[in-house]
Amino acid sequence: MRTDLECDRLSVLMSSQIFKKRVQGAATHAIVIGVGHYQHLPGGKSRKKFSNPGGMGQLNSPPQSAKAIARWLIEEYNHPEKPLASVSLLVSEPKKSDFTFKNGNRKTTVAITPANYTEVETAIRDWQALGNQNADHLLLFFFCGHGMARAPYLSLLLEDFGAVDNAPLNGAFDFGRFRKNMAECQAREQCYFVDACRVSTEIMITNDGYAGNPIIQSQGTVNATGRLAHAPVFYSTLAGAEAYAETSKPSLFTQALLEALSGAGAGDEDGPWRVRTTVMHDVIGFLLKDESQRLQLPQLQINPADDLVPISLNVTGSPKVPVVVTCQPDSENEKATFRCEGPGYKESRQPDKEPWRLRLPIETYSFHAELSKNKVVKVERVVRPAFRRISLEVK
């Protein structure tokens, strides 16, 4: 027989909250979900398989994407007005693993909660409850895994999707209604990042508007603050399109998101270099387009957003700016030796058919393309966030 104290201790150990810090006043609370292992899809560990998987199977990148986001938040996130107070992490992968991160000068290792419906439901409701404590809190939501869509509906699939053949969406949740109902939460700033395919499926078509339980249901109440919610949604891809990842790496969208958060999405109009959602959207689009072209994807991965409003996030001292250098026409790249020179900086690259991709501190640089001893094209450009594309016109 367990005592009440033992039950309380057990609930703490089983919590999905991997990071918690006491913050006075406004704070940031994040929930991060990555679903790579689907028990009931082909390749899953359960003997019971969903009879109509529609081509869906196991995913490699979501666990890595979720862990990368959670680690960055704990180790790098810097919001002076709303410091990080909590991170919940839920990950489903074939082989259960721990999660290690730096907390100041110490390394901390924690167990990871699986991203099944029951655990995700509990974690999201706890996250909403934190948002209800202070209207000035900032809530961050990140999901990476399978998604199914039929405009305007989007279903995000959790580990136990398909456990019941005649109720497969018991293991999924309706993102659109969830986010709409979160408008009743007291926290007035909420950011959502959805890294999932949005392809229409037979399941979504035949269920005609049912995309799973929204987890957070409307109580029919009006937010007590009288302020409208600022709650932009960043999608990794267009409605009806797929999202991509390279094997054994975080997804393309997650990598672009991390680069934007780290400083490429910053502006200094108000003083320090502060990452803002509006600038982030631009640089994520630039990076996804560049990666789509580099990987020769069947279509460009384009990142739309809903209700894009400016919300301040990370503050950084020295942003690194994504720079792509190419000849015009780009067929000349394989003949050109590129050089980049700036104060205390000098770098070069030998001829290659690909553009030259750099990450540079804010400064003025000269860019050169040497096609022969007598033929050098040169331009001088200021490099600052969000990004720079340098075209060296070869006549």
Protein backbone atom coordinates (compact mmCIF):
# COMPACT_ATOMS: atom_id res chain seq x y z
CA MET A 1 0.00 0.00 0.00
CA ARG A 2 1.42 3.39 -1.01
CA THR A 3 1.23 6.36 1.32
CA ASP A 4 0.08 9.75 0.01
CA LEU A 5 3.69 10.94 0.17
CA GLU A 6 4.83 8.04 -2.02
CA CYS A 7 2.07 8.76 -4.54
CA ASP A 8 3.09 12.42 -4.72
CA ARG A 9 6.73 11.44 -5.26
CA LEU A 10 5.73 9.02 -8.03
CA SER A 11 3.68 11.65 -9.84
CA VAL A 12 6.64 14.04 -9.79
CA LEU A 13 8.96 11.40 -11.23
CA MET A 14 6.50 10.57 -14.01
CA SER A 15 5.92 14.21 -14.96
CA SER A 16 6.84 15.30 -18.49
CA GLN A 17 8.29 18.52 -17.07
CA ILE A 18 12.05 18.16 -17.44
CA PHE A 19 12.99 21.71 -16.46
CA LYS A 20 11.53 23.99 -13.83
CA LYS A 21 12.80 27.28 -12.44
CA ARG A 22 11.14 29.66 -10.00
CA VAL A 23 10.49 33.00 -11.73
CA GLN A 24 8.86 36.04 -10.14
CA GLY A 25 6.31 37.63 -12.47
CA ALA A 26 5.98 36.98 -16.19
CA ALA A 27 7.72 33.87 -17.52
CA THR A 28 7.96 31.51 -20.49
CA HIS A 29 6.49 28.00 -20.35
CA ALA A 30 7.17 25.52 -23.18
CA ILE A 31 5.82 22.14 -24.23
CA VAL A 32 7.79 20.12 -26.80
CA ILE A 33 6.42 16.97 -28.48
CA GLY A 34 8.24 14.65 -30.91
CA VAL A 35 6.63 11.47 -32.23
CA GLY A 36 8.88 9.17 -34.24
CA HIS A 37 7.61 5.76 -33.12
CA TYR A 38 4.01 4.85 -33.92
CA GLN A 39 3.09 1.58 -32.23
CA HIS A 40 0.33 0.66 -34.68
CA LEU A 41 1.80 1.79 -38.00
CA PRO A 42 4.08 -0.40 -40.18
CA GLY A 43 7.38 -0.92 -38.38
CA GLY A 44 5.87 -0.21 -34.96
CA LYS A 45 6.44 -2.50 -31.99
CA SER A 46 2.81 -3.41 -31.34
CA ARG A 47 1.45 -6.59 -32.92
CA LYS A 48 -1.82 -4.74 -33.47
CA LYS A 49 -1.45 -2.71 -36.67
CA PHE A 50 -3.86 -0.13 -38.02
CA SER A 51 -5.53 -1.56 -41.12
CA ASN A 52 -5.46 1.65 -43.21
CA PRO A 53 -2.12 3.43 -42.61
CA GLY A 54 -2.26 5.34 -45.90
CA GLY A 55 1.47 5.05 -46.52
CA MET A 56 2.44 6.34 -43.08
CA GLY A 57 5.13 4.57 -41.07
CA GLN A 58 7.94 5.29 -38.64
CA LEU A 59 9.79 8.62 -38.56
CA ASN A 60 13.43 9.30 -37.75
CA SER A 61 13.62 13.06 -37.26
CA PRO A 62 10.88 13.99 -34.72
CA PRO A 63 12.70 12.66 -31.62
CA GLN A 64 15.87 14.47 -32.68
CA SER A 65 13.93 17.62 -33.55
CA ALA A 66 12.09 17.72 -30.23
CA LYS A 67 15.24 17.10 -28.19
CA ALA A 68 17.12 19.79 -30.12
CA ILE A 69 14.36 22.34 -29.41
CA ALA A 70 14.13 21.42 -25.72
CA ARG A 71 17.92 21.55 -25.29
CA TRP A 72 18.14 24.94 -27.00
CA LEU A 73 15.39 26.36 -24.80
CA ILE A 74 17.08 25.22 -21.60
CA GLU A 75 20.64 26.08 -22.58
CA GLU A 76 20.32 29.11 -24.87
CA TYR A 77 16.96 30.88 -24.52
CA ASN A 78 17.31 34.40 -23.13
CA HIS A 79 14.19 36.49 -22.58
CA PRO A 80 14.98 39.16 -19.95
CA GLU A 81 11.32 40.10 -19.43
CA LYS A 82 9.94 36.54 -19.49
CA PRO A 83 12.64 34.07 -18.41
CA LEU A 84 12.19 30.37 -19.04
CA ALA A 85 10.29 28.79 -16.13
CA SER A 86 9.40 25.33 -17.44
CA VAL A 87 9.87 22.88 -20.32
CA SER A 88 7.81 19.73 -20.78
CA LEU A 89 9.22 17.15 -23.19
CA LEU A 90 7.34 14.15 -24.60
CA VAL A 91 9.07 11.91 -27.13
CA SER A 92 8.20 8.57 -28.68
CA GLU A 93 11.05 6.62 -30.26
CA PRO A 94 11.71 2.91 -30.91
CA LYS A 95 14.18 2.58 -28.06
CA LYS A 96 13.49 4.57 -24.93
CA SER A 97 16.30 6.95 -24.03
CA ASP A 98 17.16 9.57 -21.45
CA PHE A 99 17.68 13.25 -22.18
CA THR A 100 20.80 15.15 -21.10
CA PHE A 101 21.19 18.91 -21.02
CA LYS A 102 23.35 21.55 -19.37
CA ASN A 103 21.74 23.44 -16.51
CA GLY A 104 24.25 26.17 -15.77
CA ASN A 105 27.57 24.39 -15.20
CA ARG A 106 25.94 21.06 -14.39
CA LYS A 107 24.81 18.28 -16.68
CA THR A 108 21.36 16.92 -15.93
CA THR A 109 19.93 13.64 -17.21
CA VAL A 110 16.19 12.95 -17.06
CA ALA A 111 13.81 10.25 -18.24
CA ILE A 112 11.59 11.16 -21.19
CA THR A 113 7.81 10.77 -21.08
CA PRO A 114 6.34 8.98 -24.13
CA ALA A 115 4.17 11.03 -26.49
CA ASN A 116 1.01 8.92 -26.29
CA TYR A 117 -2.41 10.54 -26.06
CA THR A 118 -2.84 10.15 -22.29
CA GLU A 119 0.54 11.70 -21.46
CA VAL A 120 0.20 14.50 -24.02
CA GLU A 121 -3.30 15.34 -22.79
CA THR A 122 -2.05 15.63 -19.20
CA ALA A 123 1.00 17.69 -20.21
CA ILE A 124 -1.00 20.13 -22.36
CA ARG A 125 -3.58 20.69 -19.62
CA ASP A 126 -0.80 21.33 -17.10
CA TRP A 127 0.81 23.74 -19.56
CA GLN A 128 -2.49 25.60 -20.02
CA ALA A 129 -2.88 25.79 -16.24
CA LEU A 130 0.51 27.50 -16.01
CA GLY A 131 -0.66 29.99 -18.64
CA ASN A 132 -3.72 30.74 -16.53
CA GLN A 133 -1.56 31.91 -13.64
CA ASN A 134 -0.45 35.16 -15.30
CA ALA A 135 -1.79 37.00 -18.35
CA ASP A 136 1.76 38.17 -19.12
CA HIS A 137 3.19 34.64 -19.40
CA LEU A 138 4.45 33.48 -22.80
CA LEU A 139 3.47 29.96 -23.89
CA LEU A 140 5.51 28.06 -26.50
CA PHE A 141 4.23 24.91 -28.25
CA PHE A 142 6.27 22.66 -30.57
CA PHE A 143 5.12 19.46 -32.29
CA CYS A 144 7.03 17.24 -34.74
CA GLY A 145 5.51 14.04 -36.13
CA HIS A 146 2.83 12.80 -38.52
CA GLY A 147 0.03 15.16 -39.45
CA MET A 148 -3.07 14.70 -41.60
CA ALA A 149 -5.13 17.51 -43.04
CA ARG A 150 -8.28 18.41 -44.83
CA ALA A 151 -8.60 22.18 -44.89
CA PRO A 152 -9.27 23.79 -42.53
CA TYR A 153 -8.69 20.79 -40.23
CA LEU A 154 -5.33 19.45 -39.06
CA SER A 155 -4.89 16.29 -37.01
CA LEU A 156 -1.60 15.71 -35.15
CA LEU A 157 -0.91 12.02 -34.59
CA LEU A 158 0.48 10.66 -31.33
CA GLU A 159 2.21 7.36 -30.57
CA ASP A 160 -1.01 5.37 -30.11
CA PHE A 161 -2.73 6.54 -33.30
CA GLY A 162 -4.56 3.59 -34.89
CA ALA A 163 -4.81 1.49 -31.74
CA VAL A 164 -8.55 1.03 -32.41
CA ASP A 165 -9.48 0.36 -36.04
CA ASN A 166 -12.91 1.98 -35.84
CA ALA A 167 -11.61 4.92 -33.77
CA PRO A 168 -8.04 5.61 -34.98
CA LEU A 169 -8.22 9.32 -34.13
CA ASN A 170 -8.47 8.48 -30.44
CA GLY A 171 -4.68 8.65 -30.70
CA ALA A 172 -4.62 12.09 -32.32
CA PHE A 173 -5.70 15.61 -31.50
CA ASP A 174 -7.42 18.37 -33.42
CA PHE A 175 -4.84 21.13 -33.57
CA GLY A 176 -7.12 23.84 -34.99
CA ARG A 177 -9.76 23.52 -32.29
CA PHE A 178 -7.10 23.10 -29.60
CA ARG A 179 -5.42 26.34 -30.58
CA LYS A 180 -8.76 28.16 -30.94
CA ASN A 181 -9.85 27.05 -27.47
CA MET A 182 -6.53 28.20 -26.02
CA ALA A 183 -7.79 31.76 -26.63
CA GLU A 184 -9.61 31.35 -23.30
CA CYS A 185 -6.28 30.84 -21.52
CA GLN A 186 -5.18 33.89 -19.53
CA ALA A 187 -1.69 34.05 -21.12
CA ARG A 188 -1.98 36.58 -23.93
CA GLU A 189 1.17 35.58 -25.83
CA GLN A 190 1.27 32.08 -27.30
CA CYS A 191 3.50 30.77 -30.12
CA TYR A 192 2.84 27.50 -31.95
CA PHE A 193 5.32 25.60 -34.15
CA VAL A 194 3.87 22.66 -36.10
CA ASP A 195 6.45 20.53 -37.91
CA ALA A 196 4.27 17.98 -39.71
CA CYS A 197 2.97 17.04 -43.13
CA ARG A 198 -0.40 18.56 -44.02
CA VAL A 199 -1.41 16.15 -46.76
CA SER A 200 -5.09 15.28 -47.16
CA THR A 201 -5.88 11.64 -46.33
CA GLU A 202 -8.81 9.28 -46.74
CA ILE A 203 -9.27 9.22 -42.96
CA MET A 204 -9.72 13.00 -42.82
CA ILE A 205 -12.00 13.02 -45.86
CA THR A 206 -14.32 10.29 -44.60
CA ASN A 207 -14.44 11.67 -41.06
CA ASP A 208 -15.51 15.01 -42.59
CA GLY A 209 -14.36 17.60 -40.06
CA TYR A 210 -13.44 15.34 -37.16
CA ALA A 211 -9.69 15.53 -36.50
CA GLY A 212 -9.53 14.06 -33.01
CA ASN A 213 -10.15 15.45 -29.54
CA PRO A 214 -8.95 19.07 -29.14
CA ILE A 215 -7.67 18.24 -25.60
CA ILE A 216 -8.55 21.76 -24.47
CA GLN A 217 -12.27 22.32 -24.82
CA SER A 218 -14.05 25.65 -24.74
CA GLN A 219 -15.74 26.59 -21.50
CA GLY A 220 -17.63 29.36 -23.27
CA THR A 221 -15.88 31.98 -21.18
CA VAL A 222 -14.34 35.29 -22.18
CA ASN A 223 -10.70 35.94 -21.31
CA ALA A 224 -10.71 38.04 -18.17
CA THR A 225 -7.95 40.39 -19.32
CA GLY A 226 -9.98 42.00 -22.10
CA ARG A 227 -6.87 41.74 -24.32
CA LEU A 228 -6.81 39.83 -27.58
CA ALA A 229 -4.50 36.82 -27.69
CA HIS A 230 -1.37 37.11 -29.82
CA ALA A 231 -1.01 33.50 -30.96
CA PRO A 232 0.81 33.02 -34.27
CA VAL A 233 1.18 29.54 -35.74
CA PHE A 234 4.27 28.60 -37.76
CA TYR A 235 3.69 25.62 -40.06
CA SER A 236 6.56 23.68 -41.60
CA THR A 237 4.79 23.31 -44.93
CA LEU A 238 1.78 24.41 -46.96
CA ALA A 239 -1.65 22.79 -46.60
CA GLY A 240 -1.68 19.71 -48.82
CA ALA A 241 2.11 19.40 -48.84
CA GLU A 242 4.77 17.25 -47.19
CA ALA A 243 7.54 18.29 -44.77
CA TYR A 244 11.05 16.91 -45.19
CA ALA A 245 14.07 15.82 -43.19
CA GLU A 246 17.46 14.27 -43.89
CA THR A 247 18.14 10.90 -42.30
CA SER A 248 19.48 11.03 -38.71
CA LYS A 249 19.06 14.80 -38.45
CA PRO A 250 16.45 17.17 -37.08
CA SER A 251 13.93 18.16 -39.75
CA LEU A 252 14.61 20.97 -42.22
CA PHE A 253 12.02 23.14 -40.49
CA THR A 254 13.46 22.51 -37.02
CA GLN A 255 16.97 23.37 -38.16
CA ALA A 256 15.71 26.61 -39.73
CA LEU A 257 13.66 27.42 -36.62
CA LEU A 258 16.68 26.95 -34.34
CA GLU A 259 18.81 29.19 -36.54
CA ALA A 260 16.12 31.86 -36.52
CA LEU A 261 15.72 31.65 -32.74
CA SER A 262 19.48 31.81 -32.23
CA GLY A 263 19.75 35.22 -33.89
CA ALA A 264 19.04 35.12 -37.61
CA GLY A 265 15.47 36.20 -36.78
CA ALA A 266 16.62 39.22 -34.75
CA GLY A 267 16.32 42.96 -35.17
CA ASP A 268 17.92 45.82 -33.22
CA GLU A 269 15.29 48.52 -33.75
CA ASP A 270 14.59 48.69 -30.00
CA GLY A 271 18.21 48.42 -28.84
CA PRO A 272 19.53 44.88 -28.28
CA TRP A 273 19.33 42.18 -30.93
CA ARG A 274 15.95 40.65 -30.15
CA VAL A 275 14.40 37.75 -32.02
CA ARG A 276 10.87 38.51 -33.16
CA THR A 277 8.27 36.26 -34.73
CA THR A 278 7.81 38.46 -37.81
CA VAL A 279 11.50 38.39 -38.71
CA MET A 280 11.72 34.68 -37.84
CA HIS A 281 9.10 33.88 -40.45
CA ASP A 282 11.14 35.56 -43.19
CA VAL A 283 14.42 33.83 -42.36
CA ILE A 284 12.82 30.39 -41.93
CA GLY A 285 11.33 30.79 -45.40
CA PHE A 286 14.72 31.76 -46.84
CA LEU A 287 16.45 28.78 -45.22
CA LEU A 288 13.77 26.28 -46.26
CA LYS A 289 13.89 27.48 -49.86
CA ASP A 290 17.67 27.20 -49.91
CA GLU A 291 17.60 23.69 -48.42
CA SER A 292 14.86 22.63 -50.83
CA GLN A 293 17.07 23.66 -53.72
CA ARG A 294 20.20 22.08 -52.23
CA LEU A 295 18.46 18.75 -51.69
CA GLN A 296 16.58 18.98 -55.00
CA LEU A 297 13.27 18.24 -53.32
CA PRO A 298 10.29 17.51 -55.59
CA GLN A 299 8.78 20.82 -54.47
CA LEU A 300 9.91 23.80 -52.42
CA GLN A 301 9.06 23.48 -48.74
CA ILE A 302 7.22 26.69 -47.92
CA ASN A 303 6.36 27.78 -44.38
CA PRO A 304 3.03 29.58 -44.00
CA ALA A 305 1.87 31.19 -40.77
CA ASP A 306 -1.49 32.05 -39.25
CA ASP A 307 -2.15 35.26 -37.33
CA LEU A 308 1.45 36.41 -37.58
CA VAL A 309 1.97 39.21 -35.06
CA PRO A 310 5.21 40.50 -33.52
CA ILE A 311 6.15 38.67 -30.32
CA SER A 312 9.57 39.18 -28.75
CA LEU A 313 11.57 36.06 -27.92
CA ASN A 314 15.30 35.47 -27.51
CA VAL A 315 17.83 38.26 -26.97
CA THR A 316 21.30 37.65 -28.37
CA GLY A 317 24.52 39.63 -28.36
CA SER A 318 26.03 38.51 -31.67
CA PRO A 319 23.68 37.12 -34.33
CA LYS A 320 25.07 34.94 -37.10
CA VAL A 321 23.53 35.76 -40.46
CA PRO A 322 22.79 33.12 -43.16
CA VAL A 323 24.49 34.18 -46.39
CA VAL A 324 24.27 32.48 -49.78
CA VAL A 325 26.83 33.53 -52.40
CA THR A 326 26.29 32.57 -56.03
CA CYS A 327 27.20 33.62 -59.52
CA GLN A 328 24.59 34.91 -61.88
CA PRO A 329 23.99 32.72 -63.84
CA ASP A 330 24.63 29.99 -61.25
CA SER A 331 26.14 27.71 -63.92
CA GLU A 332 29.32 29.80 -63.44
CA ASN A 333 29.73 28.57 -59.83
CA GLU A 334 31.71 25.52 -60.94
CA LYS A 335 34.29 27.83 -62.54
CA ALA A 336 34.53 30.41 -59.76
CA THR A 337 36.78 30.61 -56.71
CA PHE A 338 34.79 32.54 -54.11
CA ARG A 339 36.31 34.85 -51.49
CA CYS A 340 34.76 36.74 -48.62
CA GLU A 341 36.73 39.43 -46.78
CA GLY A 342 35.80 41.65 -43.84
CA PRO A 343 37.39 43.16 -40.71
CA GLY A 344 39.39 40.32 -39.20
CA TYR A 345 37.76 37.81 -41.55
CA LYS A 346 38.96 36.11 -44.72
CA GLU A 347 37.56 32.91 -46.22
CA SER A 348 37.56 31.28 -49.65
CA ARG A 349 36.03 28.32 -51.47
CA GLN A 350 37.14 26.38 -54.51
CA PRO A 351 34.88 26.02 -57.58
CA ASP A 352 31.75 23.96 -57.03
CA LYS A 353 28.39 23.85 -58.79
CA GLU A 354 26.60 24.61 -55.50
CA PRO A 355 26.25 28.16 -54.10
CA TRP A 356 28.53 29.04 -51.20
CA ARG A 357 26.70 28.99 -47.87
CA LEU A 358 28.14 31.03 -44.98
CA ARG A 359 27.15 32.13 -41.48
CA LEU A 360 28.66 35.55 -40.84
CA PRO A 361 28.70 38.06 -37.96
CA ILE A 362 27.13 41.45 -38.65
CA GLU A 363 29.61 43.49 -40.65
CA THR A 364 30.42 44.89 -44.11
CA TYR A 365 32.12 42.36 -46.41
CA SER A 366 33.50 42.22 -49.91
CA PHE A 367 32.56 39.15 -51.96
CA HIS A 368 34.66 38.01 -54.91
CA ALA A 369 34.19 35.46 -57.67
CA GLU A 370 37.45 34.77 -59.52
CA LEU A 371 36.79 32.97 -62.82
CA SER A 372 40.30 33.53 -64.17
CA LYS A 373 43.33 35.72 -63.43
CA ASN A 374 41.83 38.50 -65.53
CA LYS A 375 38.18 38.02 -64.65
CA VAL A 376 37.11 38.83 -61.08
CA VAL A 377 33.64 39.96 -60.09
CA LYS A 378 33.39 41.85 -56.78
CA VAL A 379 30.65 43.43 -54.68
CA GLU A 380 30.58 44.96 -51.21
CA ARG A 381 27.55 44.36 -48.99
CA VAL A 382 26.42 44.95 -45.42
CA VAL A 383 25.48 41.66 -43.78
CA ARG A 384 22.84 41.80 -41.05
CA PRO A 385 19.76 39.74 -40.08
CA ALA A 386 17.61 38.27 -41.33
CA PHE A 387 19.67 36.94 -44.30
CA ARG A 388 21.70 37.92 -47.33
CA ARG A 389 21.79 36.51 -50.87
CA ILE A 390 24.83 37.74 -52.79
CA SER A 391 24.56 37.48 -56.57
CA LEU A 392 27.80 38.07 -58.48
CA GLU A 393 26.82 38.90 -62.05
CA VAL A 394 29.11 37.29 -64.61
CA LYS A 395 28.98 39.09 -67.96
